[in-house]
Amino acid sequence: MNRLKLYGKPDSPEIYPIRDFLARSVIDFDWFDITNEGSDLDQSIISNNPQLAPVVKFPDGKVIINPSLEQIASNLGWIAEPKYQEYDLSIYGAGPAGLSAAVYAASEGLKTVLIERDAIGGQAGSSSLIENYLGFPQGISGSNLAEQARQQALKFGVEILLLREGVKGTFYDNKIHVDFATGEKLVAKTNICATGVEYNKLNLPNEEKFFHKGIYYGAGASEAYFCKDKDLFIVGGGNSAGQAASYFSGFAKRVFMVIRKGSLEETLSEYLITRIASIKNIFVLYHSEVTDLDGDDYLQRIKIVNSKLGTEEWHETSKLFICIGGKPNTEWAAETAILRDRNGYIFTGNDLVGLNQFNTCWELDRLPYHLETSVPGSFAAGDVRFNSVKRVASAVGEGAMAVTQVHQYLSKL
């Protein structure tokens, strides 16, 4: 059976997003280092591509040089236009919360559309292994869990619109009206915001320069193969960082976790603490933080300061994975009546009632449902919600619960 083939320079900033998208989308592909003049390379790929840009060769023989993610998704048959002028429910974000909401909504007869600006799975989709999710005693990768959920959603008739950036969302006539960057418009009676969070940056001077050239945000499981026999560093002490360290340890020479605190107990699950302690090539640098980055075209070394010892040292590395905190993807709500906290997390339910602004924007006789925002019929689920539990199982539960409340809302229209 023919498989998709991907050609490129291993460390080029253009190739990483493609590798990451394919891996998170559970697309099997063969990788070829275009700088290696091995016999297994298609020489026509090189002769027609003097800049050695990334190349994708599809199973049907079609070749695209330096493709965008939209071109790849389109050739895989994943780009579609909205089928209807209006939906019962629009869901924004195809992480665990959004996928769960989509499955439950469509299975219960709601005309449902799921919109995602990147790959299916959200932040969880980049996790190499989720071990504490109910029903998978051996664990399951985030990408495989997301892919199974995607297939389940399609089975019930969910429309999935991938690689869509919303330009503006407005609420009027008891509906949400969204304009996409593509010029498409989408209208729905209700909506669920499940757009999740993005990892924070270190905010260092050279950080942007080395983006995808040694610095990666998130667990970056697709990079494991390219970390063979290298020293790599992971900033963060949460479960995603711990899983990444465990996974990368099977490829890298040494894995260093850089954390500010003096222990992992507050941020990491017990089973991961035990495992990390048992893996000989994982080292935890406590009371530490990365303060400087250096290199020519690519990252070559990082400076780490230890606040307890008062030391600072340069460490040679070409791989730095940043898994710290998160910033909610809620910029779209800034010009709406949806109330957020100072960090951008969306207030829902009882958390709204004590806010001064709530009385000026809520006009219904009833109080908001538990996952309902300050706009009636608009809900939030998963990590994007104020005071949510940052776990896959919680996100899945909130997605299903939000659909129940959507039904309650629609029954009163």
Protein backbone atom coordinates (compact mmCIF):
# COMPACT_ATOMS: atom_id res chain seq x y z
CA MET A 1 0.00 0.00 0.00
CA ASN A 2 1.36 3.40 -0.96
CA ARG A 3 1.99 5.79 1.90
CA LEU A 4 2.44 9.52 1.97
CA LYS A 5 6.09 10.52 1.61
CA LEU A 6 7.63 13.56 3.25
CA TYR A 7 10.98 14.99 2.11
CA GLY A 8 12.83 17.75 3.91
CA LYS A 9 15.76 18.95 5.98
CA PRO A 10 15.45 17.41 9.46
CA ASP A 11 15.85 20.70 11.37
CA SER A 12 14.27 23.18 8.97
CA PRO A 13 11.59 25.40 10.53
CA GLU A 14 9.29 24.70 7.56
CA ILE A 15 9.27 20.92 8.06
CA TYR A 16 8.34 20.75 11.75
CA PRO A 17 4.73 22.03 11.41
CA ILE A 18 4.13 19.51 8.61
CA ARG A 19 5.59 16.59 10.59
CA ASP A 20 3.64 17.66 13.66
CA PHE A 21 0.36 18.01 11.74
CA LEU A 22 0.74 14.59 10.09
CA ALA A 23 1.69 12.90 13.36
CA ARG A 24 -1.16 14.47 15.31
CA SER A 25 -3.56 13.59 12.49
CA VAL A 26 -2.39 9.93 12.66
CA ILE A 27 -1.30 9.96 9.01
CA ASP A 28 1.28 7.25 8.32
CA PHE A 29 4.14 8.65 6.27
CA ASP A 30 7.66 7.78 5.22
CA TRP A 31 10.33 10.35 6.05
CA PHE A 32 13.27 11.14 3.75
CA ASP A 33 16.16 13.43 4.60
CA ILE A 34 16.44 15.48 1.42
CA THR A 35 20.07 16.38 2.25
CA ASN A 36 21.06 12.71 2.23
CA GLU A 37 21.80 11.51 -1.28
CA GLY A 38 20.79 7.96 -0.47
CA SER A 39 19.53 5.49 -3.07
CA ASP A 40 16.01 5.55 -1.62
CA LEU A 41 15.53 9.22 -2.53
CA ASP A 42 13.45 10.17 -5.54
CA GLN A 43 16.06 12.17 -7.47
CA SER A 44 13.36 14.10 -9.35
CA ILE A 45 12.34 15.60 -6.01
CA ILE A 46 15.80 17.12 -5.65
CA SER A 47 16.30 18.19 -9.27
CA ASN A 48 12.98 20.05 -9.31
CA ASN A 49 13.59 21.61 -5.91
CA PRO A 50 16.95 23.44 -5.82
CA GLN A 51 16.11 25.18 -2.52
CA LEU A 52 15.50 21.79 -0.86
CA ALA A 53 12.16 22.97 0.48
CA PRO A 54 9.80 20.47 2.12
CA VAL A 55 8.03 18.17 -0.35
CA VAL A 56 4.98 15.97 0.09
CA LYS A 57 4.29 13.10 -2.28
CA PHE A 58 0.77 11.75 -1.87
CA PRO A 59 -0.17 8.07 -2.35
CA ASP A 60 -1.78 8.93 -5.70
CA GLY A 61 1.58 10.27 -6.98
CA LYS A 62 0.79 13.98 -6.65
CA VAL A 63 3.79 16.06 -5.54
CA ILE A 64 3.63 19.47 -3.82
CA ILE A 65 6.77 21.47 -3.10
CA ASN A 66 6.71 23.57 0.08
CA PRO A 67 3.04 22.80 0.79
CA SER A 68 0.85 24.65 3.29
CA LEU A 69 -1.08 22.65 5.85
CA GLU A 70 -4.25 23.66 3.99
CA GLN A 71 -2.91 22.11 0.77
CA ILE A 72 -2.03 18.89 2.57
CA ALA A 73 -5.40 18.66 4.31
CA SER A 74 -7.20 19.47 1.05
CA ASN A 75 -5.40 16.69 -0.82
CA LEU A 76 -6.29 14.30 1.97
CA GLY A 77 -9.95 15.25 1.48
CA TRP A 78 -10.23 17.00 4.82
CA ILE A 79 -11.20 20.51 3.72
CA ALA A 80 -14.92 21.06 3.35
CA GLU A 81 -17.33 23.97 3.25
CA PRO A 82 -20.28 24.29 5.63
CA LYS A 83 -23.24 22.29 4.29
CA TYR A 84 -25.97 24.30 5.97
CA GLN A 85 -26.84 27.94 6.40
CA GLU A 86 -27.64 27.39 10.06
CA TYR A 87 -26.77 24.79 12.71
CA ASP A 88 -28.24 23.84 16.06
CA LEU A 89 -24.77 23.84 17.60
CA SER A 90 -21.34 25.09 16.55
CA ILE A 91 -18.33 23.89 18.55
CA TYR A 92 -15.02 25.73 18.42
CA GLY A 93 -11.95 23.64 19.19
CA ALA A 94 -11.46 19.92 18.47
CA GLY A 95 -9.62 18.92 21.63
CA PRO A 96 -11.12 16.41 24.09
CA ALA A 97 -13.90 18.78 25.22
CA GLY A 98 -14.92 19.77 21.69
CA LEU A 99 -14.78 16.22 20.33
CA SER A 100 -16.82 14.93 23.26
CA ALA A 101 -19.44 17.63 22.77
CA ALA A 102 -19.60 16.89 19.04
CA VAL A 103 -20.16 13.14 19.56
CA TYR A 104 -22.88 13.61 22.17
CA ALA A 105 -24.63 16.43 20.31
CA ALA A 106 -24.80 14.68 16.95
CA SER A 107 -25.77 11.33 18.49
CA GLU A 108 -28.72 13.10 20.10
CA GLY A 109 -29.92 14.61 16.84
CA LEU A 110 -28.48 18.11 16.92
CA LYS A 111 -27.23 19.53 13.62
CA THR A 112 -23.61 19.97 14.70
CA VAL A 113 -20.50 21.53 13.20
CA LEU A 114 -17.02 21.30 14.76
CA ILE A 115 -14.45 23.94 13.85
CA GLU A 116 -10.70 23.56 14.45
CA ARG A 117 -7.94 25.96 13.43
CA ASP A 118 -5.16 23.37 13.61
CA ALA A 119 -5.03 19.56 13.90
CA ILE A 120 -7.63 17.43 15.64
CA GLY A 121 -6.83 16.74 19.29
CA GLY A 122 -5.80 20.14 20.60
CA GLN A 123 -3.02 20.25 23.17
CA ALA A 124 -3.79 16.68 24.25
CA GLY A 125 -3.19 15.50 20.68
CA SER A 126 0.54 16.08 21.04
CA SER A 127 0.82 13.87 24.13
CA SER A 128 2.86 10.74 23.52
CA LEU A 129 0.86 8.69 26.03
CA ILE A 130 -2.18 9.37 28.23
CA GLU A 131 -2.20 6.74 30.95
CA ASN A 132 -4.78 7.92 33.47
CA TYR A 133 -7.76 8.13 31.10
CA LEU A 134 -10.52 5.65 31.97
CA GLY A 135 -10.72 2.52 29.82
CA PHE A 136 -7.15 2.42 28.51
CA PRO A 137 -5.07 0.45 31.04
CA GLN A 138 -2.06 0.41 28.72
CA GLY A 139 -2.48 4.09 27.91
CA ILE A 140 -3.20 5.70 24.56
CA SER A 141 -1.46 8.46 22.65
CA GLY A 142 -3.28 11.76 22.46
CA SER A 143 -3.33 11.61 18.66
CA ASN A 144 -4.88 8.12 18.58
CA LEU A 145 -7.50 9.05 21.17
CA ALA A 146 -8.39 12.13 19.12
CA GLU A 147 -8.51 10.16 15.87
CA GLN A 148 -10.90 7.60 17.33
CA ALA A 149 -13.09 10.43 18.62
CA ARG A 150 -13.00 12.08 15.18
CA GLN A 151 -14.18 8.88 13.51
CA GLN A 152 -16.91 8.53 16.13
CA ALA A 153 -18.07 12.10 15.50
CA LEU A 154 -18.18 11.53 11.74
CA LYS A 155 -20.19 8.34 12.29
CA PHE A 156 -22.94 10.41 13.93
CA GLY A 157 -22.90 13.04 11.18
CA VAL A 158 -20.78 15.83 12.68
CA GLU A 159 -19.36 18.23 10.13
CA ILE A 160 -15.71 18.98 10.81
CA LEU A 161 -14.15 22.14 9.41
CA LEU A 162 -10.37 21.99 9.76
CA LEU A 163 -7.78 24.78 9.54
CA ARG A 164 -10.36 27.51 9.99
CA GLU A 165 -9.42 30.79 11.60
CA GLY A 166 -12.37 32.81 12.85
CA VAL A 167 -12.04 36.53 12.18
CA LYS A 168 -15.00 37.69 14.19
CA GLY A 169 -17.86 36.23 16.18
CA THR A 170 -20.95 38.27 17.02
CA PHE A 171 -24.16 37.44 18.87
CA TYR A 172 -27.54 38.71 17.69
CA ASP A 173 -31.01 37.31 17.00
CA ASN A 174 -30.26 34.70 19.70
CA LYS A 175 -27.57 33.17 17.46
CA ILE A 176 -23.82 33.26 16.95
CA HIS A 177 -22.61 34.62 13.60
CA VAL A 178 -18.99 33.88 12.69
CA ASP A 179 -16.94 35.24 9.79
CA PHE A 180 -13.93 33.09 8.84
CA ALA A 181 -10.70 34.30 7.27
CA THR A 182 -11.71 32.33 4.16
CA GLY A 183 -14.76 34.57 3.70
CA GLU A 184 -17.18 31.86 4.80
CA LYS A 185 -19.94 32.64 7.27
CA LEU A 186 -21.45 30.33 9.84
CA VAL A 187 -24.62 30.74 11.91
CA ALA A 188 -25.73 28.58 14.85
CA LYS A 189 -28.45 28.71 17.51
CA THR A 190 -25.97 27.73 20.21
CA ASN A 191 -22.22 27.36 20.53
CA ILE A 192 -19.62 25.75 22.77
CA CYS A 193 -16.19 27.33 23.15
CA ALA A 194 -13.65 24.54 23.66
CA THR A 195 -10.64 26.32 22.20
CA GLY A 196 -8.31 25.26 25.02
CA VAL A 197 -5.03 26.90 25.93
CA GLU A 198 -1.63 27.49 24.38
CA TYR A 199 1.67 26.99 26.17
CA ASN A 200 3.27 30.13 27.50
CA LYS A 201 6.52 31.44 26.08
CA LEU A 202 9.70 32.08 28.01
CA ASN A 203 9.81 35.64 26.62
CA LEU A 204 13.56 35.54 26.02
CA PRO A 205 15.32 37.81 23.46
CA ASN A 206 16.16 35.09 20.89
CA GLU A 207 13.07 32.96 21.40
CA GLU A 208 11.34 33.96 18.18
CA LYS A 209 14.55 33.47 16.19
CA PHE A 210 14.77 29.81 17.20
CA PHE A 211 11.06 29.00 16.87
CA HIS A 212 10.87 25.59 15.14
CA LYS A 213 14.66 25.78 14.86
CA GLY A 214 15.35 24.16 18.21
CA ILE A 215 12.53 25.63 20.30
CA TYR A 216 9.15 23.89 20.35
CA TYR A 217 6.01 24.61 22.37
CA GLY A 218 4.35 21.54 23.81
CA ALA A 219 5.35 17.91 24.08
CA GLY A 220 6.37 17.63 20.41
CA ALA A 221 6.14 13.84 20.20
CA SER A 222 6.75 13.97 16.45
CA GLU A 223 10.33 15.14 17.13
CA ALA A 224 11.38 12.06 19.10
CA TYR A 225 13.05 10.37 16.13
CA PHE A 226 15.20 13.47 15.57
CA CYS A 227 16.41 13.54 19.16
CA LYS A 228 18.42 10.33 18.93
CA ASP A 229 21.64 10.44 20.98
CA LYS A 230 21.13 14.13 21.84
CA ASP A 231 20.76 16.00 25.10
CA LEU A 232 17.37 17.70 25.19
CA PHE A 233 15.70 19.98 27.72
CA ILE A 234 12.06 20.30 28.76
CA VAL A 235 10.85 23.37 30.64
CA GLY A 236 7.91 22.53 32.88
CA GLY A 237 6.88 20.16 35.65
CA GLY A 238 3.29 19.27 34.72
CA ASN A 239 1.95 16.00 33.35
CA SER A 240 2.56 16.93 29.72
CA ALA A 241 6.22 17.69 30.51
CA GLY A 242 6.53 14.49 32.53
CA GLN A 243 5.04 12.36 29.76
CA ALA A 244 7.32 14.02 27.22
CA ALA A 245 10.38 13.33 29.36
CA SER A 246 9.40 9.69 29.76
CA TYR A 247 8.79 9.27 26.03
CA PHE A 248 11.88 11.15 24.84
CA SER A 249 14.10 9.16 27.21
CA GLY A 250 13.74 6.21 24.84
CA PHE A 251 15.39 8.22 22.06
CA ALA A 252 17.61 10.92 23.54
CA LYS A 253 20.99 10.51 25.19
CA ARG A 254 19.83 12.50 28.21
CA VAL A 255 16.61 14.36 29.09
CA PHE A 256 16.67 17.31 31.48
CA MET A 257 13.50 18.69 33.08
CA VAL A 258 13.93 22.33 34.11
CA ILE A 259 11.56 23.42 36.88
CA ARG A 260 11.48 26.44 39.17
CA LYS A 261 10.17 24.60 42.22
CA GLY A 262 12.04 22.28 44.56
CA SER A 263 9.88 19.22 43.90
CA LEU A 264 7.44 17.71 41.39
CA GLU A 265 4.77 16.71 43.91
CA GLU A 266 2.58 19.80 43.40
CA THR A 267 2.39 19.60 39.62
CA LEU A 268 2.98 15.99 38.53
CA SER A 269 0.88 12.85 39.01
CA GLU A 270 2.37 10.30 41.39
CA TYR A 271 2.75 7.57 38.78
CA LEU A 272 4.85 9.90 36.61
CA ILE A 273 7.02 10.98 39.54
CA THR A 274 7.77 7.32 40.27
CA ARG A 275 8.52 6.55 36.63
CA ILE A 276 10.79 9.56 36.08
CA ALA A 277 12.77 8.62 39.18
CA SER A 278 13.29 5.12 37.75
CA ILE A 279 14.59 6.22 34.32
CA LYS A 280 18.34 6.62 34.46
CA ASN A 281 18.73 9.16 31.63
CA ILE A 282 16.15 11.65 32.97
CA PHE A 283 17.54 14.39 35.21
CA VAL A 284 15.40 16.97 37.03
CA LEU A 285 16.97 20.40 37.50
CA TYR A 286 15.16 21.91 40.49
CA HIS A 287 15.06 25.64 41.37
CA SER A 288 16.12 26.29 37.77
CA GLU A 289 15.03 28.30 34.76
CA VAL A 290 16.28 28.99 31.25
CA THR A 291 17.41 32.60 31.00
CA ASP A 292 19.21 32.85 27.66
CA LEU A 293 19.41 31.18 24.24
CA ASP A 294 22.28 31.12 21.79
CA GLY A 295 23.14 29.81 18.35
CA ASP A 296 23.76 30.84 14.76
CA ASP A 297 20.92 29.77 12.49
CA TYR A 298 19.70 27.10 14.93
CA LEU A 299 19.62 26.73 18.70
CA GLN A 300 22.98 25.49 19.98
CA ARG A 301 23.01 26.18 23.70
CA ILE A 302 20.92 27.50 26.58
CA LYS A 303 21.78 29.22 29.85
CA ILE A 304 20.23 27.79 33.01
CA VAL A 305 20.22 29.66 36.32
CA ASN A 306 19.80 27.83 39.62
CA SER A 307 18.22 30.21 42.15
CA LYS A 308 19.07 28.06 45.17
CA LEU A 309 22.75 27.59 44.37
CA GLY A 310 23.14 30.99 42.73
CA THR A 311 24.81 29.43 39.68
CA GLU A 312 24.40 29.93 35.96
CA GLU A 313 25.67 27.53 33.31
CA TRP A 314 25.53 27.15 29.54
CA HIS A 315 24.35 23.74 28.25
CA GLU A 316 24.87 22.48 24.72
CA THR A 317 21.56 21.43 23.11
CA SER A 318 19.62 21.77 19.87
CA LYS A 319 16.22 20.77 21.34
CA LEU A 320 14.25 22.76 23.91
CA PHE A 321 10.60 21.89 24.57
CA ILE A 322 8.53 24.43 26.50
CA CYS A 323 5.56 23.03 28.44
CA ILE A 324 4.72 25.74 30.96
CA GLY A 325 1.37 27.07 31.96
CA GLY A 326 -1.12 28.12 29.37
CA LYS A 327 -2.86 31.07 27.81
CA PRO A 328 -6.53 30.53 26.85
CA ASN A 329 -7.48 30.96 23.21
CA THR A 330 -10.22 33.52 23.80
CA GLU A 331 -9.05 36.61 21.92
CA TRP A 332 -12.15 36.28 19.71
CA ALA A 333 -14.36 37.05 22.75
CA ALA A 334 -12.79 40.46 23.42
CA GLU A 335 -15.41 42.36 21.40
CA THR A 336 -18.38 40.33 22.66
CA ALA A 337 -20.35 40.34 25.91
CA ILE A 338 -18.61 37.15 27.09
CA LEU A 339 -16.95 37.86 30.43
CA ARG A 340 -13.42 36.65 31.08
CA ASP A 341 -10.95 36.90 33.93
CA ARG A 342 -7.75 38.94 33.61
CA ASN A 343 -5.93 35.94 32.12
CA GLY A 344 -8.59 35.37 29.47
CA TYR A 345 -10.39 32.37 30.97
CA ILE A 346 -14.15 32.38 30.39
CA PHE A 347 -16.50 32.76 33.36
CA THR A 348 -19.47 30.39 33.42
CA GLY A 349 -22.39 29.53 35.71
CA ASN A 350 -22.12 30.53 39.36
CA ASP A 351 -18.78 32.26 38.78
CA LEU A 352 -20.67 34.87 36.74
CA VAL A 353 -23.25 35.77 39.34
CA GLY A 354 -20.92 37.70 41.65
CA LEU A 355 -19.48 39.87 38.86
CA ASN A 356 -20.53 43.53 38.59
CA GLN A 357 -20.67 43.32 34.77
CA PHE A 358 -23.00 40.32 34.89
CA ASN A 359 -26.12 42.32 35.75
CA THR A 360 -25.63 44.59 32.75
CA CYS A 361 -25.36 41.81 30.17
CA TRP A 362 -27.69 39.07 31.48
CA GLU A 363 -31.35 39.77 30.77
CA LEU A 364 -33.02 36.38 31.36
CA ASP A 365 -35.13 35.55 34.43
CA ARG A 366 -33.15 32.37 35.10
CA LEU A 367 -29.52 32.11 36.19
CA PRO A 368 -26.89 30.81 33.75
CA TYR A 369 -26.48 27.06 33.49
CA HIS A 370 -23.29 25.63 34.99
CA LEU A 371 -21.27 25.83 31.73
CA GLU A 372 -23.12 28.78 30.19
CA THR A 373 -21.26 32.05 29.62
CA SER A 374 -22.61 35.57 30.11
CA VAL A 375 -24.22 35.26 26.66
CA PRO A 376 -27.30 33.00 26.77
CA GLY A 377 -26.88 29.94 24.56
CA SER A 378 -23.08 30.26 24.50
CA PHE A 379 -21.20 27.69 26.57
CA ALA A 380 -17.59 26.91 27.48
CA ALA A 381 -15.99 23.55 28.23
CA GLY A 382 -12.55 22.23 29.05
CA ASP A 383 -9.33 24.10 29.79
CA VAL A 384 -10.60 27.40 28.40
CA ARG A 385 -13.10 27.73 31.25
CA PHE A 386 -12.37 29.59 34.48
CA ASN A 387 -11.66 27.18 37.36
CA SER A 388 -11.67 24.10 35.11
CA VAL A 389 -9.70 20.96 35.99
CA LYS A 390 -6.86 20.62 33.49
CA ARG A 391 -7.28 16.92 32.71
CA VAL A 392 -8.47 15.05 29.61
CA ALA A 393 -11.21 13.20 31.50
CA SER A 394 -12.58 16.44 32.93
CA ALA A 395 -12.63 18.06 29.50
CA VAL A 396 -14.49 15.09 28.02
CA GLY A 397 -17.02 15.23 30.86
CA GLU A 398 -17.59 18.97 30.44
CA GLY A 399 -18.10 18.54 26.71
CA ALA A 400 -20.88 16.02 27.32
CA MET A 401 -22.38 18.15 30.12
CA ALA A 402 -22.42 21.24 27.91
CA VAL A 403 -24.54 19.39 25.34
CA THR A 404 -27.13 18.57 28.03
CA GLN A 405 -27.34 22.27 28.84
CA VAL A 406 -27.59 23.13 25.14
CA HIS A 407 -30.69 20.92 25.01
CA GLN A 408 -32.10 22.77 28.04
CA TYR A 409 -31.51 26.08 26.35
CA LEU A 410 -33.02 25.04 23.01
CA SER A 411 -36.11 23.59 24.69
CA LYS A 412 -36.97 27.06 26.01
CA LEU A 413 -36.64 28.94 22.71
